[in-house]
Amino acid sequence: GLLQAAAGSLLARGESLPLDRRVARAVGLDEVTLRGAGEAEGNVVAF
């Protein structure tokens, strides 16, 4: 989703970030995601 937003911003010559990206930036992080697979089992939240 972030890649899609980045591609759109390049085409529109502007920046449009998804909600999770804006939340991460608001708290001073680069990533706040919820995904269904990772090194830990089941769903994980990553910062």
All heavy atoms as atom14 arrays in JSON, in Angstrom:
{
  "sequence": "GLLQAAAGSLLARGESLPLDRRVARAVGLDEVTLRGAGEAEGNVVAF",
  "atom14_mask": [
    [1, 1, 1, 1, 0, 0, 0, 0, 0, 0, 0, 0, 0, 0],
    [1, 1, 1, 1, 1, 1, 1, 1, 0, 0, 0, 0, 0, 0],
    [1, 1, 1, 1, 1, 1, 1, 1, 0, 0, 0, 0, 0, 0],
    [1, 1, 1, 1, 1, 1, 1, 1, 1, 0, 0, 0, 0, 0],
    [1, 1, 1, 1, 1, 0, 0, 0, 0, 0, 0, 0, 0, 0],
    [1, 1, 1, 1, 1, 0, 0, 0, 0, 0, 0, 0, 0, 0],
    [1, 1, 1, 1, 1, 0, 0, 0, 0, 0, 0, 0, 0, 0],
    [1, 1, 1, 1, 0, 0, 0, 0, 0, 0, 0, 0, 0, 0],
    [1, 1, 1, 1, 1, 1, 0, 0, 0, 0, 0, 0, 0, 0],
    [1, 1, 1, 1, 1, 1, 1, 1, 0, 0, 0, 0, 0, 0],
    [1, 1, 1, 1, 1, 1, 1, 1, 0, 0, 0, 0, 0, 0],
    [1, 1, 1, 1, 1, 0, 0, 0, 0, 0, 0, 0, 0, 0],
    [1, 1, 1, 1, 1, 1, 1, 1, 1, 1, 1, 0, 0, 0],
    [1, 1, 1, 1, 0, 0, 0, 0, 0, 0, 0, 0, 0, 0],
    [1, 1, 1, 1, 1, 1, 1, 1, 1, 0, 0, 0, 0, 0],
    [1, 1, 1, 1, 1, 1, 0, 0, 0, 0, 0, 0, 0, 0],
    [1, 1, 1, 1, 1, 1, 1, 1, 0, 0, 0, 0, 0, 0],
    [1, 1, 1, 1, 1, 1, 1, 0, 0, 0, 0, 0, 0, 0],
    [1, 1, 1, 1, 1, 1, 1, 1, 0, 0, 0, 0, 0, 0],
    [1, 1, 1, 1, 1, 1, 1, 1, 0, 0, 0, 0, 0, 0],
    [1, 1, 1, 1, 1, 1, 1, 1, 1, 1, 1, 0, 0, 0],
    [1, 1, 1, 1, 1, 1, 1, 1, 1, 1, 1, 0, 0, 0],
    [1, 1, 1, 1, 1, 1, 1, 0, 0, 0, 0, 0, 0, 0],
    [1, 1, 1, 1, 1, 0, 0, 0, 0, 0, 0, 0, 0, 0],
    [1, 1, 1, 1, 1, 1, 1, 1, 1, 1, 1, 0, 0, 0],
    [1, 1, 1, 1, 1, 0, 0, 0, 0, 0, 0, 0, 0, 0],
    [1, 1, 1, 1, 1, 1, 1, 0, 0, 0, 0, 0, 0, 0],
    [1, 1, 1, 1, 0, 0, 0, 0, 0, 0, 0, 0, 0, 0],
    [1, 1, 1, 1, 1, 1, 1, 1, 0, 0, 0, 0, 0, 0],
    [1, 1, 1, 1, 1, 1, 1, 1, 0, 0, 0, 0, 0, 0],
    [1, 1, 1, 1, 1, 1, 1, 1, 1, 0, 0, 0, 0, 0],
    [1, 1, 1, 1, 1, 1, 1, 0, 0, 0, 0, 0, 0, 0],
    [1, 1, 1, 1, 1, 1, 1, 0, 0, 0, 0, 0, 0, 0],
    [1, 1, 1, 1, 1, 1, 1, 1, 0, 0, 0, 0, 0, 0],
    [1, 1, 1, 1, 1, 1, 1, 1, 1, 1, 1, 0, 0, 0],
    [1, 1, 1, 1, 0, 0, 0, 0, 0, 0, 0, 0, 0, 0],
    [1, 1, 1, 1, 1, 0, 0, 0, 0, 0, 0, 0, 0, 0],
    [1, 1, 1, 1, 0, 0, 0, 0, 0, 0, 0, 0, 0, 0],
    [1, 1, 1, 1, 1, 1, 1, 1, 1, 0, 0, 0, 0, 0],
    [1, 1, 1, 1, 1, 0, 0, 0, 0, 0, 0, 0, 0, 0],
    [1, 1, 1, 1, 1, 1, 1, 1, 1, 0, 0, 0, 0, 0],
    [1, 1, 1, 1, 0, 0, 0, 0, 0, 0, 0, 0, 0, 0],
    [1, 1, 1, 1, 1, 1, 1, 1, 0, 0, 0, 0, 0, 0],
    [1, 1, 1, 1, 1, 1, 1, 0, 0, 0, 0, 0, 0, 0],
    [1, 1, 1, 1, 1, 1, 1, 0, 0, 0, 0, 0, 0, 0],
    [1, 1, 1, 1, 1, 0, 0, 0, 0, 0, 0, 0, 0, 0],
    [1, 1, 1, 1, 1, 1, 1, 1, 1, 1, 1, 0, 0, 0]
  ],
  "atom14_positions": [
    [[0.82, -1.21, 0.0], [0.0, 0.0, 0.0], [0.85, 1.25, 0.0], [0.53, 2.24, -0.67], [0.0, 0.0, 0.0], [0.0, 0.0, 0.0], [0.0, 0.0, 0.0], [0.0, 0.0, 0.0], [0.0, 0.0, 0.0], [0.0, 0.0, 0.0], [0.0, 0.0, 0.0], [0.0, 0.0, 0.0], [0.0, 0.0, 0.0], [0.0, 0.0, 0.0]],
    [[1.95, 1.21, 0.74], [2.85, 2.35, 0.76], [3.5, 2.55, -0.6], [3.64, 3.69, -1.07], [3.93, 2.14, 1.83], [4.98, 3.24, 1.96], [4.33, 4.57, 2.27], [6.0, 2.88, 3.03], [0.0, 0.0, 0.0], [0.0, 0.0, 0.0], [0.0, 0.0, 0.0], [0.0, 0.0, 0.0], [0.0, 0.0, 0.0], [0.0, 0.0, 0.0]],
    [[3.86, 1.47, -1.26], [4.45, 1.58, -2.59], [3.45, 2.16, -3.57], [3.81, 2.98, -4.43], [4.94, 0.21, -3.07], [6.15, -0.37, -2.33], [6.45, -1.77, -2.85], [7.35, 0.53, -2.52], [0.0, 0.0, 0.0], [0.0, 0.0, 0.0], [0.0, 0.0, 0.0], [0.0, 0.0, 0.0], [0.0, 0.0, 0.0], [0.0, 0.0, 0.0]],
    [[2.19, 1.76, -3.47], [1.17, 2.3, -4.36], [0.99, 3.8, -4.14], [0.86, 4.58, -5.08], [-0.16, 1.57, -4.16], [-0.12, 0.12, -4.61], [-1.39, -0.63, -4.27], [-2.19, -0.16, -3.44], [-1.6, -1.79, -4.87], [0.0, 0.0, 0.0], [0.0, 0.0, 0.0], [0.0, 0.0, 0.0], [0.0, 0.0, 0.0], [0.0, 0.0, 0.0]],
    [[1.0, 4.21, -2.86], [0.88, 5.64, -2.57], [2.08, 6.41, -3.09], [1.95, 7.52, -3.61], [0.73, 5.85, -1.06], [0.0, 0.0, 0.0], [0.0, 0.0, 0.0], [0.0, 0.0, 0.0], [0.0, 0.0, 0.0], [0.0, 0.0, 0.0], [0.0, 0.0, 0.0], [0.0, 0.0, 0.0], [0.0, 0.0, 0.0], [0.0, 0.0, 0.0]],
    [[3.27, 5.82, -2.95], [4.48, 6.48, -3.44], [4.44, 6.61, -4.95], [4.81, 7.66, -5.5], [5.71, 5.7, -3.0], [0.0, 0.0, 0.0], [0.0, 0.0, 0.0], [0.0, 0.0, 0.0], [0.0, 0.0, 0.0], [0.0, 0.0, 0.0], [0.0, 0.0, 0.0], [0.0, 0.0, 0.0], [0.0, 0.0, 0.0], [0.0, 0.0, 0.0]],
    [[4.0, 5.56, -5.63], [3.91, 5.65, -7.08], [2.91, 6.72, -7.5], [3.15, 7.49, -8.43], [3.5, 4.29, -7.66], [0.0, 0.0, 0.0], [0.0, 0.0, 0.0], [0.0, 0.0, 0.0], [0.0, 0.0, 0.0], [0.0, 0.0, 0.0], [0.0, 0.0, 0.0], [0.0, 0.0, 0.0], [0.0, 0.0, 0.0], [0.0, 0.0, 0.0]],
    [[1.79, 6.8, -6.8], [0.81, 7.84, -7.11], [1.34, 9.23, -6.87], [1.07, 10.15, -7.63], [0.0, 0.0, 0.0], [0.0, 0.0, 0.0], [0.0, 0.0, 0.0], [0.0, 0.0, 0.0], [0.0, 0.0, 0.0], [0.0, 0.0, 0.0], [0.0, 0.0, 0.0], [0.0, 0.0, 0.0], [0.0, 0.0, 0.0], [0.0, 0.0, 0.0]],
    [[2.12, 9.4, -5.8], [2.66, 10.72, -5.5], [3.67, 11.14, -6.55], [3.77, 12.32, -6.9], [3.3, 10.74, -4.11], [4.48, 9.95, -4.1], [0.0, 0.0, 0.0], [0.0, 0.0, 0.0], [0.0, 0.0, 0.0], [0.0, 0.0, 0.0], [0.0, 0.0, 0.0], [0.0, 0.0, 0.0], [0.0, 0.0, 0.0], [0.0, 0.0, 0.0]],
    [[4.44, 10.19, -7.09], [5.4, 10.53, -8.14], [4.68, 10.98, -9.4], [5.08, 11.94, -10.05], [6.28, 9.33, -8.45], [7.35, 8.97, -7.41], [8.06, 7.7, -7.8], [8.35, 10.11, -7.26], [0.0, 0.0, 0.0], [0.0, 0.0, 0.0], [0.0, 0.0, 0.0], [0.0, 0.0, 0.0], [0.0, 0.0, 0.0], [0.0, 0.0, 0.0]],
    [[3.58, 10.31, -9.71], [2.84, 10.68, -10.9], [2.13, 12.01, -10.72], [2.01, 12.8, -11.65], [1.81, 9.59, -11.25], [2.42, 8.23, -11.68], [1.31, 7.23, -11.89], [3.25, 8.39, -12.94], [0.0, 0.0, 0.0], [0.0, 0.0, 0.0], [0.0, 0.0, 0.0], [0.0, 0.0, 0.0], [0.0, 0.0, 0.0], [0.0, 0.0, 0.0]],
    [[1.65, 12.27, -9.47], [0.93, 13.51, -9.21], [1.83, 14.64, -8.76], [1.36, 15.74, -8.49], [-0.14, 13.26, -8.14], [0.0, 0.0, 0.0], [0.0, 0.0, 0.0], [0.0, 0.0, 0.0], [0.0, 0.0, 0.0], [0.0, 0.0, 0.0], [0.0, 0.0, 0.0], [0.0, 0.0, 0.0], [0.0, 0.0, 0.0], [0.0, 0.0, 0.0]],
    [[3.13, 14.35, -8.61], [4.1, 15.33, -8.13], [3.68, 15.87, -6.77], [3.76, 17.06, -6.47], [4.28, 16.48, -9.13], [4.98, 16.03, -10.37], [5.37, 17.21, -11.23], [4.21, 17.87, -11.8], [4.28, 18.99, -12.5], [5.43, 19.59, -12.68], [3.2, 19.53, -13.01], [0.0, 0.0, 0.0], [0.0, 0.0, 0.0], [0.0, 0.0, 0.0]],
    [[3.2, 15.0, -5.9], [2.84, 15.37, -4.54], [3.02, 14.17, -3.67], [3.4, 13.1, -4.12], [0.0, 0.0, 0.0], [0.0, 0.0, 0.0], [0.0, 0.0, 0.0], [0.0, 0.0, 0.0], [0.0, 0.0, 0.0], [0.0, 0.0, 0.0], [0.0, 0.0, 0.0], [0.0, 0.0, 0.0], [0.0, 0.0, 0.0], [0.0, 0.0, 0.0]],
    [[2.73, 14.27, -2.37], [2.9, 13.16, -1.45], [1.58, 12.84, -0.81], [0.9, 13.7, -0.25], [3.93, 13.52, -0.37], [4.21, 12.37, 0.56], [5.34, 12.66, 1.52], [5.94, 13.73, 1.41], [5.6, 11.81, 2.39], [0.0, 0.0, 0.0], [0.0, 0.0, 0.0], [0.0, 0.0, 0.0], [0.0, 0.0, 0.0], [0.0, 0.0, 0.0]],
    [[1.17, 11.58, -0.91], [-0.08, 11.12, -0.31], [0.21, 9.85, 0.46], [0.47, 8.8, -0.13], [-1.13, 10.88, -1.39], [-2.31, 10.36, -0.83], [0.0, 0.0, 0.0], [0.0, 0.0, 0.0], [0.0, 0.0, 0.0], [0.0, 0.0, 0.0], [0.0, 0.0, 0.0], [0.0, 0.0, 0.0], [0.0, 0.0, 0.0], [0.0, 0.0, 0.0]],
    [[0.22, 9.91, 1.79], [0.59, 8.77, 2.61], [-0.65, 8.05, 3.1], [-1.66, 8.68, 3.43], [1.42, 9.23, 3.81], [2.77, 9.87, 3.49], [3.44, 10.3, 4.78], [3.66, 8.93, 2.72], [0.0, 0.0, 0.0], [0.0, 0.0, 0.0], [0.0, 0.0, 0.0], [0.0, 0.0, 0.0], [0.0, 0.0, 0.0], [0.0, 0.0, 0.0]],
    [[-0.61, 6.7, 3.21], [-1.73, 5.96, 3.77], [-1.85, 6.22, 5.26], [-0.96, 6.8, 5.9], [-1.36, 4.5, 3.48], [0.12, 4.5, 3.34], [0.48, 5.82, 2.74], [0.0, 0.0, 0.0], [0.0, 0.0, 0.0], [0.0, 0.0, 0.0], [0.0, 0.0, 0.0], [0.0, 0.0, 0.0], [0.0, 0.0, 0.0], [0.0, 0.0, 0.0]],
    [[-2.96, 5.78, 5.84], [-3.25, 6.07, 7.24], [-2.18, 5.53, 8.17], [-1.74, 6.23, 9.09], [-4.63, 5.5, 7.62], [-5.05, 5.7, 9.08], [-5.12, 7.18, 9.4], [-6.39, 5.02, 9.33], [0.0, 0.0, 0.0], [0.0, 0.0, 0.0], [0.0, 0.0, 0.0], [0.0, 0.0, 0.0], [0.0, 0.0, 0.0], [0.0, 0.0, 0.0]],
    [[-1.74, 4.26, 7.98], [-0.75, 3.7, 8.89], [0.56, 4.47, 8.8], [1.27, 4.62, 9.8], [-0.53, 2.21, 8.57], [0.0, 2.0, 7.15], [-0.34, 2.81, 6.27], [0.75, 1.03, 6.95], [0.0, 0.0, 0.0], [0.0, 0.0, 0.0], [0.0, 0.0, 0.0], [0.0, 0.0, 0.0], [0.0, 0.0, 0.0], [0.0, 0.0, 0.0]],
    [[0.88, 4.98, 7.63], [2.12, 5.74, 7.48], [2.02, 7.08, 8.22], [2.97, 7.53, 8.84], [2.38, 5.96, 5.99], [3.76, 6.51, 5.69], [4.82, 5.51, 6.04], [6.13, 5.94, 5.57], [7.25, 5.33, 5.86], [7.22, 4.25, 6.65], [8.4, 5.77, 5.4], [0.0, 0.0, 0.0], [0.0, 0.0, 0.0], [0.0, 0.0, 0.0]],
    [[0.86, 7.71, 8.14], [0.69, 8.98, 8.84], [0.71, 8.77, 10.34], [1.23, 9.61, 11.09], [-0.63, 9.63, 8.4], [-0.65, 10.03, 6.93], [-1.76, 11.03, 6.65], [-3.08, 10.46, 6.92], [-3.82, 9.87, 6.01], [-3.38, 9.75, 4.77], [-5.01, 9.4, 6.31], [0.0, 0.0, 0.0], [0.0, 0.0, 0.0], [0.0, 0.0, 0.0]],
    [[0.13, 7.65, 10.83], [0.17, 7.36, 12.26], [1.6, 7.15, 12.72], [2.03, 7.65, 13.77], [-0.7, 6.12, 12.58], [-0.5, 5.68, 14.02], [-2.17, 6.43, 12.32], [0.0, 0.0, 0.0], [0.0, 0.0, 0.0], [0.0, 0.0, 0.0], [0.0, 0.0, 0.0], [0.0, 0.0, 0.0], [0.0, 0.0, 0.0], [0.0, 0.0, 0.0]],
    [[2.38, 6.39, 11.93], [3.77, 6.15, 12.29], [4.55, 7.45, 12.35], [5.34, 7.69, 13.28], [4.41, 5.19, 11.28], [0.0, 0.0, 0.0], [0.0, 0.0, 0.0], [0.0, 0.0, 0.0], [0.0, 0.0, 0.0], [0.0, 0.0, 0.0], [0.0, 0.0, 0.0], [0.0, 0.0, 0.0], [0.0, 0.0, 0.0], [0.0, 0.0, 0.0]],
    [[4.33, 8.32, 11.38], [5.07, 9.59, 11.38], [4.65, 10.44, 12.57], [5.47, 11.16, 13.15], [4.82, 10.32, 10.07], [5.45, 11.68, 9.99], [5.33, 12.28, 8.6], [6.08, 11.53, 7.62], [6.2, 11.89, 6.34], [5.6, 12.98, 5.91], [6.91, 11.16, 5.5], [0.0, 0.0, 0.0], [0.0, 0.0, 0.0], [0.0, 0.0, 0.0]],
    [[3.37, 10.4, 12.96], [2.89, 11.23, 14.07], [3.55, 10.85, 15.39], [3.75, 11.71, 16.25], [1.36, 11.11, 14.18], [0.0, 0.0, 0.0], [0.0, 0.0, 0.0], [0.0, 0.0, 0.0], [0.0, 0.0, 0.0], [0.0, 0.0, 0.0], [0.0, 0.0, 0.0], [0.0, 0.0, 0.0], [0.0, 0.0, 0.0], [0.0, 0.0, 0.0]],
    [[3.9, 9.58, 15.58], [4.53, 9.14, 16.83], [6.03, 9.01, 16.7], [6.69, 8.49, 17.59], [3.92, 7.8, 17.29], [2.44, 7.96, 17.59], [4.13, 6.7, 16.24], [0.0, 0.0, 0.0], [0.0, 0.0, 0.0], [0.0, 0.0, 0.0], [0.0, 0.0, 0.0], [0.0, 0.0, 0.0], [0.0, 0.0, 0.0], [0.0, 0.0, 0.0]],
    [[6.59, 9.47, 15.6], [8.03, 9.48, 15.44], [8.63, 8.18, 14.96], [9.85, 7.97, 15.1], [0.0, 0.0, 0.0], [0.0, 0.0, 0.0], [0.0, 0.0, 0.0], [0.0, 0.0, 0.0], [0.0, 0.0, 0.0], [0.0, 0.0, 0.0], [0.0, 0.0, 0.0], [0.0, 0.0, 0.0], [0.0, 0.0, 0.0], [0.0, 0.0, 0.0]],
    [[7.82, 7.28, 14.37], [8.32, 6.01, 13.86], [8.27, 6.02, 12.33], [7.67, 6.89, 11.71], [7.49, 4.85, 14.41], [7.5, 4.67, 15.94], [6.56, 3.55, 16.34], [8.91, 4.4, 16.45], [0.0, 0.0, 0.0], [0.0, 0.0, 0.0], [0.0, 0.0, 0.0], [0.0, 0.0, 0.0], [0.0, 0.0, 0.0], [0.0, 0.0, 0.0]],
    [[8.92, 5.01, 11.76], [8.89, 4.85, 10.31], [7.89, 3.78, 9.87], [7.5, 3.75, 8.71], [10.29, 4.47, 9.8], [11.29, 5.59, 10.01], [10.88, 6.75, 9.92], [12.46, 5.31, 10.3], [0.0, 0.0, 0.0], [0.0, 0.0, 0.0], [0.0, 0.0, 0.0], [0.0, 0.0, 0.0], [0.0, 0.0, 0.0], [0.0, 0.0, 0.0]],
    [[7.5, 2.92, 10.79], [6.63, 1.8, 10.41], [5.74, 1.42, 11.58], [6.21, 1.22, 12.7], [7.47, 0.59, 9.98], [6.66, -0.63, 9.61], [7.54, -1.84, 9.31], [8.69, -1.86, 9.77], [7.03, -2.76, 8.64], [0.0, 0.0, 0.0], [0.0, 0.0, 0.0], [0.0, 0.0, 0.0], [0.0, 0.0, 0.0], [0.0, 0.0, 0.0]],
    [[4.44, 1.34, 11.34], [3.46, 0.77, 12.27], [2.53, -0.07, 11.41], [1.68, 0.46, 10.69], [2.67, 1.85, 13.04], [1.61, 1.2, 13.91], [3.6, 2.69, 13.89], [0.0, 0.0, 0.0], [0.0, 0.0, 0.0], [0.0, 0.0, 0.0], [0.0, 0.0, 0.0], [0.0, 0.0, 0.0], [0.0, 0.0, 0.0], [0.0, 0.0, 0.0]],
    [[2.7, -1.4, 11.44], [1.94, -2.26, 10.53], [1.37, -3.45, 11.31], [1.88, -3.85, 12.36], [2.83, -2.8, 9.4], [3.92, -3.54, 9.96], [3.36, -1.67, 8.56], [0.0, 0.0, 0.0], [0.0, 0.0, 0.0], [0.0, 0.0, 0.0], [0.0, 0.0, 0.0], [0.0, 0.0, 0.0], [0.0, 0.0, 0.0], [0.0, 0.0, 0.0]],
    [[0.3, -3.99, 10.74], [-0.31, -5.23, 11.23], [-0.27, -6.21, 10.08], [-0.83, -5.97, 9.02], [-1.75, -4.98, 11.68], [-2.54, -6.21, 12.14], [-1.92, -6.78, 13.42], [-4.0, -5.86, 12.36], [0.0, 0.0, 0.0], [0.0, 0.0, 0.0], [0.0, 0.0, 0.0], [0.0, 0.0, 0.0], [0.0, 0.0, 0.0], [0.0, 0.0, 0.0]],
    [[0.41, -7.33, 10.28], [0.53, -8.3, 9.2], [0.23, -9.7, 9.73], [0.33, -9.98, 10.93], [1.91, -8.23, 8.56], [3.1, -8.34, 9.47], [4.38, -8.28, 8.64], [5.58, -8.44, 9.43], [6.39, -7.46, 9.79], [6.11, -6.21, 9.44], [7.47, -7.69, 10.49], [0.0, 0.0, 0.0], [0.0, 0.0, 0.0], [0.0, 0.0, 0.0]],
    [[-0.06, -10.58, 8.79], [-0.51, -11.9, 9.15], [0.56, -12.96, 9.12], [0.28, -14.12, 9.38], [0.0, 0.0, 0.0], [0.0, 0.0, 0.0], [0.0, 0.0, 0.0], [0.0, 0.0, 0.0], [0.0, 0.0, 0.0], [0.0, 0.0, 0.0], [0.0, 0.0, 0.0], [0.0, 0.0, 0.0], [0.0, 0.0, 0.0], [0.0, 0.0, 0.0]],
    [[1.78, -12.62, 8.82], [2.84, -13.61, 8.81], [4.14, -12.91, 9.13], [4.38, -11.78, 8.74], [2.94, -14.31, 7.46], [0.0, 0.0, 0.0], [0.0, 0.0, 0.0], [0.0, 0.0, 0.0], [0.0, 0.0, 0.0], [0.0, 0.0, 0.0], [0.0, 0.0, 0.0], [0.0, 0.0, 0.0], [0.0, 0.0, 0.0], [0.0, 0.0, 0.0]],
    [[5.0, -13.59, 9.84], [6.29, -13.02, 10.19], [7.09, -14.03, 10.97], [6.77, -15.22, 11.01], [0.0, 0.0, 0.0], [0.0, 0.0, 0.0], [0.0, 0.0, 0.0], [0.0, 0.0, 0.0], [0.0, 0.0, 0.0], [0.0, 0.0, 0.0], [0.0, 0.0, 0.0], [0.0, 0.0, 0.0], [0.0, 0.0, 0.0], [0.0, 0.0, 0.0]],
    [[8.14, -13.54, 11.62], [8.96, -14.46, 12.4], [8.18, -15.0, 13.58], [8.39, -16.1, 14.05], [10.22, -13.73, 12.88], [11.26, -13.48, 11.78], [10.9, -12.29, 10.91], [9.81, -11.73, 11.08], [11.72, -11.95, 10.03], [0.0, 0.0, 0.0], [0.0, 0.0, 0.0], [0.0, 0.0, 0.0], [0.0, 0.0, 0.0], [0.0, 0.0, 0.0]],
    [[7.28, -14.19, 14.14], [6.41, -14.67, 15.21], [5.18, -15.33, 14.6], [4.77, -15.02, 13.48], [5.99, -13.5, 16.11], [0.0, 0.0, 0.0], [0.0, 0.0, 0.0], [0.0, 0.0, 0.0], [0.0, 0.0, 0.0], [0.0, 0.0, 0.0], [0.0, 0.0, 0.0], [0.0, 0.0, 0.0], [0.0, 0.0, 0.0], [0.0, 0.0, 0.0]],
    [[4.55, -16.25, 15.33], [3.4, -16.99, 14.81], [2.15, -16.14, 14.89], [1.96, -15.34, 15.79], [3.2, -18.28, 15.62], [4.35, -19.27, 15.48], [4.09, -20.53, 16.25], [3.03, -20.63, 16.9], [4.93, -21.42, 16.2], [0.0, 0.0, 0.0], [0.0, 0.0, 0.0], [0.0, 0.0, 0.0], [0.0, 0.0, 0.0], [0.0, 0.0, 0.0]],
    [[1.22, -16.35, 13.93], [-0.04, -15.64, 13.91], [0.11, -14.21, 13.48], [1.11, -13.81, 12.9], [0.0, 0.0, 0.0], [0.0, 0.0, 0.0], [0.0, 0.0, 0.0], [0.0, 0.0, 0.0], [0.0, 0.0, 0.0], [0.0, 0.0, 0.0], [0.0, 0.0, 0.0], [0.0, 0.0, 0.0], [0.0, 0.0, 0.0], [0.0, 0.0, 0.0]],
    [[-0.92, -13.4, 13.77], [-0.86, -12.0, 13.43], [0.11, -11.27, 14.36], [0.16, -11.55, 15.56], [-2.24, -11.37, 13.54], [-3.2, -11.92, 12.5], [-2.78, -12.27, 11.41], [-4.48, -12.01, 12.85], [0.0, 0.0, 0.0], [0.0, 0.0, 0.0], [0.0, 0.0, 0.0], [0.0, 0.0, 0.0], [0.0, 0.0, 0.0], [0.0, 0.0, 0.0]],
    [[0.81, -10.33, 13.82], [1.77, -9.57, 14.61], [1.6, -8.1, 14.27], [1.21, -7.73, 13.16], [3.23, -10.01, 14.34], [3.44, -11.45, 14.74], [3.61, -9.8, 12.89], [0.0, 0.0, 0.0], [0.0, 0.0, 0.0], [0.0, 0.0, 0.0], [0.0, 0.0, 0.0], [0.0, 0.0, 0.0], [0.0, 0.0, 0.0], [0.0, 0.0, 0.0]],
    [[1.9, -7.24, 15.25], [1.97, -5.82, 15.03], [3.44, -5.43, 15.1], [4.17, -5.89, 15.99], [1.13, -5.04, 16.07], [1.59, -5.32, 17.49], [1.18, -3.54, 15.79], [0.0, 0.0, 0.0], [0.0, 0.0, 0.0], [0.0, 0.0, 0.0], [0.0, 0.0, 0.0], [0.0, 0.0, 0.0], [0.0, 0.0, 0.0], [0.0, 0.0, 0.0]],
    [[3.89, -4.65, 14.15], [5.32, -4.33, 14.03], [5.51, -2.82, 14.1], [4.74, -2.05, 13.51], [5.88, -4.88, 12.72], [0.0, 0.0, 0.0], [0.0, 0.0, 0.0], [0.0, 0.0, 0.0], [0.0, 0.0, 0.0], [0.0, 0.0, 0.0], [0.0, 0.0, 0.0], [0.0, 0.0, 0.0], [0.0, 0.0, 0.0], [0.0, 0.0, 0.0]],
    [[6.55, -2.43, 14.84], [6.96, -1.04, 14.94], [8.41, -0.95, 14.47], [9.25, -1.74, 14.91], [6.85, -0.53, 16.38], [5.49, -0.71, 16.99], [5.16, -1.88, 17.65], [4.54, 0.29, 16.88], [3.91, -2.05, 18.22], [3.28, 0.12, 17.44], [2.96, -1.04, 18.11], [0.0, 0.0, 0.0], [0.0, 0.0, 0.0], [0.0, 0.0, 0.0]]
  ]
}
